[in-house]
N, C-alpha and C. Protein backbone atom coordinates (compact mmCIF):
# COMPACT_ATOMS: atom_id res chain seq x y z
N UNK A 1 4.53 -52.91 -6.44
CA UNK A 1 5.41 -53.52 -7.41
C UNK A 1 6.34 -52.44 -7.97
N UNK A 2 7.63 -52.64 -7.90
CA UNK A 2 8.56 -51.63 -8.39
C UNK A 2 8.95 -51.91 -9.85
N UNK A 3 9.21 -50.81 -10.54
CA UNK A 3 9.62 -50.92 -11.93
C UNK A 3 11.12 -51.15 -12.00
N UNK A 4 11.61 -51.76 -13.09
CA UNK A 4 13.07 -51.83 -13.26
C UNK A 4 13.62 -50.43 -13.45
N UNK A 5 14.93 -50.25 -13.26
CA UNK A 5 15.56 -48.93 -13.37
C UNK A 5 15.45 -48.42 -14.81
N UNK A 6 14.59 -47.45 -15.00
CA UNK A 6 14.41 -46.78 -16.28
C UNK A 6 14.22 -45.29 -16.02
N UNK A 7 14.12 -44.53 -17.08
CA UNK A 7 13.87 -43.09 -16.92
C UNK A 7 12.55 -42.88 -16.21
N UNK A 8 12.45 -41.81 -15.41
CA UNK A 8 11.19 -41.55 -14.71
C UNK A 8 10.10 -41.19 -15.71
N UNK A 9 8.88 -41.49 -15.34
CA UNK A 9 7.73 -41.12 -16.15
C UNK A 9 7.36 -39.67 -15.83
N UNK A 10 6.61 -39.05 -16.71
CA UNK A 10 6.15 -37.68 -16.49
C UNK A 10 5.44 -37.62 -15.14
N UNK A 11 5.81 -36.64 -14.33
CA UNK A 11 5.20 -36.46 -13.02
C UNK A 11 5.93 -37.17 -11.89
N UNK A 12 6.80 -38.12 -12.23
CA UNK A 12 7.58 -38.81 -11.19
C UNK A 12 8.78 -37.94 -10.80
N UNK A 13 9.21 -38.04 -9.56
CA UNK A 13 10.39 -37.26 -9.17
C UNK A 13 11.63 -37.75 -9.92
N UNK A 14 12.53 -36.84 -10.18
CA UNK A 14 13.79 -37.20 -10.84
C UNK A 14 14.65 -38.01 -9.88
N UNK A 15 15.45 -38.92 -10.41
CA UNK A 15 16.40 -39.65 -9.55
C UNK A 15 17.35 -38.65 -8.89
N UNK A 16 17.93 -39.02 -7.78
CA UNK A 16 18.82 -38.11 -7.07
C UNK A 16 20.13 -38.80 -6.70
N UNK A 17 20.92 -39.21 -7.72
CA UNK A 17 22.20 -39.83 -7.39
C UNK A 17 23.16 -38.80 -6.81
N UNK A 18 24.15 -39.26 -6.11
CA UNK A 18 25.20 -38.38 -5.60
C UNK A 18 26.42 -38.55 -6.48
N UNK A 19 26.93 -37.44 -7.00
CA UNK A 19 28.14 -37.42 -7.80
C UNK A 19 29.18 -36.62 -7.00
N UNK A 20 30.24 -36.17 -7.65
CA UNK A 20 31.26 -35.38 -6.94
C UNK A 20 31.47 -34.05 -7.64
N UNK A 21 31.77 -33.02 -6.83
CA UNK A 21 32.14 -31.74 -7.42
C UNK A 21 33.63 -31.79 -7.76
N UNK A 22 34.17 -30.70 -8.29
CA UNK A 22 35.56 -30.71 -8.72
C UNK A 22 36.57 -30.67 -7.58
N UNK A 23 36.07 -30.62 -6.36
CA UNK A 23 36.95 -30.76 -5.19
C UNK A 23 36.89 -32.17 -4.64
N UNK A 24 36.11 -33.04 -5.29
CA UNK A 24 35.99 -34.43 -4.86
C UNK A 24 34.97 -34.65 -3.76
N UNK A 25 34.18 -33.62 -3.45
CA UNK A 25 33.17 -33.73 -2.40
C UNK A 25 31.87 -34.30 -2.96
N UNK A 26 31.15 -35.10 -2.17
CA UNK A 26 29.85 -35.61 -2.62
C UNK A 26 28.88 -34.47 -2.93
N UNK A 27 28.10 -34.64 -3.99
CA UNK A 27 27.18 -33.59 -4.43
C UNK A 27 25.88 -34.24 -4.90
N UNK A 28 24.81 -34.16 -4.11
CA UNK A 28 23.52 -34.73 -4.54
C UNK A 28 23.00 -33.96 -5.76
N UNK A 29 22.58 -34.67 -6.77
CA UNK A 29 22.14 -34.04 -8.02
C UNK A 29 20.98 -33.06 -7.82
N UNK A 30 20.12 -33.29 -6.83
CA UNK A 30 18.98 -32.38 -6.68
C UNK A 30 19.40 -30.97 -6.29
N UNK A 31 20.65 -30.79 -5.87
CA UNK A 31 21.15 -29.44 -5.60
C UNK A 31 21.29 -28.62 -6.89
N UNK A 32 21.37 -29.31 -8.03
CA UNK A 32 21.53 -28.62 -9.31
C UNK A 32 20.33 -27.73 -9.61
N UNK A 33 19.15 -28.16 -9.23
CA UNK A 33 17.93 -27.41 -9.57
C UNK A 33 17.20 -26.91 -8.33
N UNK A 34 17.86 -26.86 -7.21
CA UNK A 34 17.19 -26.46 -5.97
C UNK A 34 16.87 -24.96 -5.93
N UNK A 35 17.65 -24.13 -6.62
CA UNK A 35 17.44 -22.68 -6.56
C UNK A 35 16.86 -22.09 -7.85
N UNK A 36 17.04 -22.77 -8.96
CA UNK A 36 16.52 -22.28 -10.25
C UNK A 36 16.52 -23.44 -11.24
N UNK A 37 15.83 -23.27 -12.36
CA UNK A 37 15.80 -24.35 -13.36
C UNK A 37 17.22 -24.68 -13.82
N UNK A 38 17.41 -25.93 -14.22
CA UNK A 38 18.74 -26.36 -14.64
C UNK A 38 18.66 -27.19 -15.91
N UNK A 39 19.66 -27.00 -16.75
CA UNK A 39 19.90 -27.86 -17.89
C UNK A 39 21.06 -28.74 -17.47
N UNK A 40 20.82 -30.03 -17.40
CA UNK A 40 21.88 -30.96 -16.98
C UNK A 40 22.26 -31.78 -18.20
N UNK A 41 23.51 -31.68 -18.57
CA UNK A 41 24.01 -32.40 -19.74
C UNK A 41 24.97 -33.48 -19.28
N UNK A 42 24.62 -34.72 -19.57
CA UNK A 42 25.46 -35.86 -19.22
C UNK A 42 26.42 -36.13 -20.38
N UNK A 43 27.70 -36.17 -20.07
CA UNK A 43 28.74 -36.41 -21.07
C UNK A 43 29.18 -37.87 -21.00
N UNK A 44 29.44 -38.46 -22.15
CA UNK A 44 29.85 -39.87 -22.18
C UNK A 44 31.13 -40.07 -21.37
N UNK A 45 32.14 -39.30 -21.69
CA UNK A 45 33.39 -39.28 -20.94
C UNK A 45 34.11 -38.01 -21.35
N UNK A 46 35.06 -37.58 -20.58
CA UNK A 46 35.64 -36.26 -20.78
C UNK A 46 36.49 -36.15 -22.05
N UNK A 47 36.94 -37.25 -22.61
CA UNK A 47 37.72 -37.18 -23.85
C UNK A 47 36.87 -37.33 -25.10
N UNK A 48 35.59 -37.48 -24.96
CA UNK A 48 34.70 -37.71 -26.10
C UNK A 48 34.68 -36.49 -27.02
N UNK A 49 35.05 -36.65 -28.30
CA UNK A 49 35.05 -35.49 -29.20
C UNK A 49 33.65 -34.93 -29.43
N UNK A 50 32.65 -35.78 -29.43
CA UNK A 50 31.28 -35.30 -29.61
C UNK A 50 30.84 -34.47 -28.41
N UNK A 51 31.24 -34.91 -27.22
CA UNK A 51 30.91 -34.17 -26.00
C UNK A 51 31.63 -32.82 -25.99
N UNK A 52 32.87 -32.80 -26.46
CA UNK A 52 33.62 -31.55 -26.51
C UNK A 52 32.94 -30.56 -27.46
N UNK A 53 32.47 -31.06 -28.60
CA UNK A 53 31.76 -30.19 -29.55
C UNK A 53 30.45 -29.70 -28.94
N UNK A 54 29.75 -30.58 -28.25
CA UNK A 54 28.47 -30.22 -27.62
C UNK A 54 28.69 -29.12 -26.57
N UNK A 55 29.70 -29.30 -25.74
CA UNK A 55 29.98 -28.30 -24.71
C UNK A 55 30.35 -26.97 -25.36
N UNK A 56 31.07 -27.01 -26.47
CA UNK A 56 31.38 -25.78 -27.19
C UNK A 56 30.11 -25.06 -27.63
N UNK A 57 29.13 -25.81 -28.09
CA UNK A 57 27.85 -25.20 -28.49
C UNK A 57 27.15 -24.59 -27.28
N UNK A 58 27.18 -25.30 -26.15
CA UNK A 58 26.55 -24.76 -24.94
C UNK A 58 27.25 -23.49 -24.49
N UNK A 59 28.57 -23.48 -24.56
CA UNK A 59 29.34 -22.31 -24.12
C UNK A 59 28.96 -21.09 -24.96
N UNK A 60 28.78 -21.29 -26.27
CA UNK A 60 28.39 -20.17 -27.13
C UNK A 60 27.02 -19.61 -26.77
N UNK A 61 26.19 -20.39 -26.09
CA UNK A 61 24.85 -19.96 -25.68
C UNK A 61 24.80 -19.58 -24.21
N UNK A 62 25.94 -19.51 -23.53
CA UNK A 62 25.98 -19.28 -22.08
C UNK A 62 25.23 -18.02 -21.68
N UNK A 63 25.38 -16.96 -22.44
CA UNK A 63 24.68 -15.71 -22.10
C UNK A 63 23.17 -15.88 -22.15
N UNK A 64 22.69 -16.62 -23.14
CA UNK A 64 21.24 -16.85 -23.26
C UNK A 64 20.72 -17.66 -22.08
N UNK A 65 21.49 -18.66 -21.66
CA UNK A 65 21.07 -19.45 -20.49
C UNK A 65 21.02 -18.57 -19.25
N UNK A 66 22.02 -17.72 -19.09
CA UNK A 66 22.07 -16.83 -17.92
C UNK A 66 20.89 -15.87 -17.92
N UNK A 67 20.60 -15.27 -19.07
CA UNK A 67 19.46 -14.35 -19.16
C UNK A 67 18.14 -15.05 -18.84
N UNK A 68 18.04 -16.32 -19.20
CA UNK A 68 16.82 -17.08 -18.94
C UNK A 68 16.77 -17.60 -17.50
N UNK A 69 17.84 -17.42 -16.74
CA UNK A 69 17.86 -17.89 -15.36
C UNK A 69 18.08 -19.39 -15.24
N UNK A 70 18.72 -19.97 -16.24
CA UNK A 70 18.95 -21.42 -16.26
C UNK A 70 20.39 -21.72 -15.89
N UNK A 71 20.56 -22.60 -14.94
CA UNK A 71 21.89 -23.07 -14.55
C UNK A 71 22.25 -24.25 -15.45
N UNK A 72 23.44 -24.24 -16.02
CA UNK A 72 23.91 -25.35 -16.84
C UNK A 72 24.92 -26.14 -16.02
N UNK A 73 24.69 -27.45 -15.96
CA UNK A 73 25.56 -28.34 -15.20
C UNK A 73 26.00 -29.47 -16.13
N UNK A 74 27.30 -29.71 -16.19
CA UNK A 74 27.85 -30.81 -16.98
C UNK A 74 28.21 -31.93 -16.03
N UNK A 75 27.77 -33.14 -16.34
CA UNK A 75 28.09 -34.31 -15.53
C UNK A 75 28.82 -35.29 -16.43
N UNK A 76 30.07 -35.56 -16.11
CA UNK A 76 30.86 -36.46 -16.94
C UNK A 76 31.26 -37.71 -16.20
N UNK A 77 31.42 -38.77 -16.98
CA UNK A 77 31.90 -40.02 -16.42
C UNK A 77 33.42 -39.98 -16.41
N UNK A 78 34.00 -40.13 -15.25
CA UNK A 78 35.44 -40.09 -15.12
C UNK A 78 35.83 -39.56 -13.76
N UNK A 79 37.06 -39.09 -13.69
CA UNK A 79 37.60 -38.62 -12.42
C UNK A 79 37.62 -37.09 -12.37
N UNK A 80 37.87 -36.58 -11.20
CA UNK A 80 38.00 -35.12 -11.04
C UNK A 80 39.15 -34.62 -11.91
N UNK A 81 40.26 -35.34 -11.93
CA UNK A 81 41.40 -34.94 -12.76
C UNK A 81 41.05 -34.89 -14.23
N UNK A 82 40.29 -35.86 -14.70
CA UNK A 82 39.87 -35.87 -16.11
C UNK A 82 38.95 -34.69 -16.41
N UNK A 83 38.09 -34.36 -15.44
CA UNK A 83 37.20 -33.21 -15.62
C UNK A 83 38.01 -31.92 -15.71
N UNK A 84 39.00 -31.79 -14.87
CA UNK A 84 39.85 -30.59 -14.89
C UNK A 84 40.61 -30.51 -16.21
N UNK A 85 41.07 -31.65 -16.71
CA UNK A 85 41.75 -31.67 -18.00
C UNK A 85 40.81 -31.36 -19.15
N UNK A 86 39.56 -31.73 -19.01
CA UNK A 86 38.56 -31.46 -20.05
C UNK A 86 38.39 -29.96 -20.26
N UNK A 87 38.37 -29.21 -19.17
CA UNK A 87 38.22 -27.76 -19.31
C UNK A 87 39.48 -27.16 -19.91
N UNK A 88 40.63 -27.74 -19.58
CA UNK A 88 41.89 -27.30 -20.15
C UNK A 88 42.01 -25.78 -20.24
N UNK A 89 42.58 -25.29 -21.33
CA UNK A 89 42.76 -23.85 -21.46
C UNK A 89 41.47 -23.11 -21.85
N UNK A 90 40.45 -23.86 -22.25
CA UNK A 90 39.22 -23.18 -22.66
C UNK A 90 38.38 -22.82 -21.45
N UNK A 91 37.62 -21.78 -21.59
CA UNK A 91 36.76 -21.33 -20.49
C UNK A 91 35.42 -22.06 -20.60
N UNK A 92 35.08 -22.82 -19.58
CA UNK A 92 33.78 -23.47 -19.50
C UNK A 92 33.06 -22.84 -18.32
N UNK A 93 32.07 -21.97 -18.58
CA UNK A 93 31.45 -21.20 -17.50
C UNK A 93 30.37 -21.95 -16.73
N UNK A 94 30.38 -23.26 -16.81
CA UNK A 94 29.33 -24.06 -16.18
C UNK A 94 29.90 -24.88 -15.04
N UNK A 95 29.02 -25.28 -14.15
CA UNK A 95 29.42 -26.19 -13.09
C UNK A 95 29.67 -27.56 -13.71
N UNK A 96 30.71 -28.21 -13.22
CA UNK A 96 31.02 -29.56 -13.69
C UNK A 96 31.00 -30.50 -12.50
N UNK A 97 30.41 -31.65 -12.73
CA UNK A 97 30.35 -32.71 -11.73
C UNK A 97 30.87 -33.99 -12.35
N UNK A 98 31.35 -34.89 -11.51
CA UNK A 98 31.89 -36.16 -12.03
C UNK A 98 31.15 -37.33 -11.43
N UNK A 99 30.98 -38.32 -12.28
CA UNK A 99 30.35 -39.59 -11.90
C UNK A 99 31.44 -40.65 -12.02
N UNK A 100 32.24 -40.77 -10.96
CA UNK A 100 33.40 -41.66 -11.00
C UNK A 100 33.03 -43.12 -11.17
N UNK A 101 31.94 -43.55 -10.55
CA UNK A 101 31.58 -44.96 -10.64
C UNK A 101 30.53 -45.23 -11.71
N UNK A 102 30.23 -44.21 -12.51
CA UNK A 102 29.30 -44.31 -13.64
C UNK A 102 27.92 -44.80 -13.23
N UNK A 103 27.45 -44.28 -12.10
CA UNK A 103 26.16 -44.73 -11.57
C UNK A 103 25.01 -43.80 -11.91
N UNK A 104 25.29 -42.58 -12.36
CA UNK A 104 24.19 -41.67 -12.66
C UNK A 104 23.82 -41.86 -14.10
């Protein structure tokens, strides 16, 4: 008997949706943590002011994440162009992925 789509329970494997990298290529989410632990932050959409503030907080802690060996990955709902605009003139030292069809 299968469960409805909900968050995985402790001990269950994480879902592995495919999103896109900033070149528009398919990117399976499990690649985010294949080489080292990862903090994956899902953003509502790239224009979200709360998400922008959150990413700013993560950026200020980037050195601590690096020292801890943690990869930070941002996954936003929108297009590659919107993701590129989100980074704008500010430096975002994290990998960004896009969920164009909002399936992840």
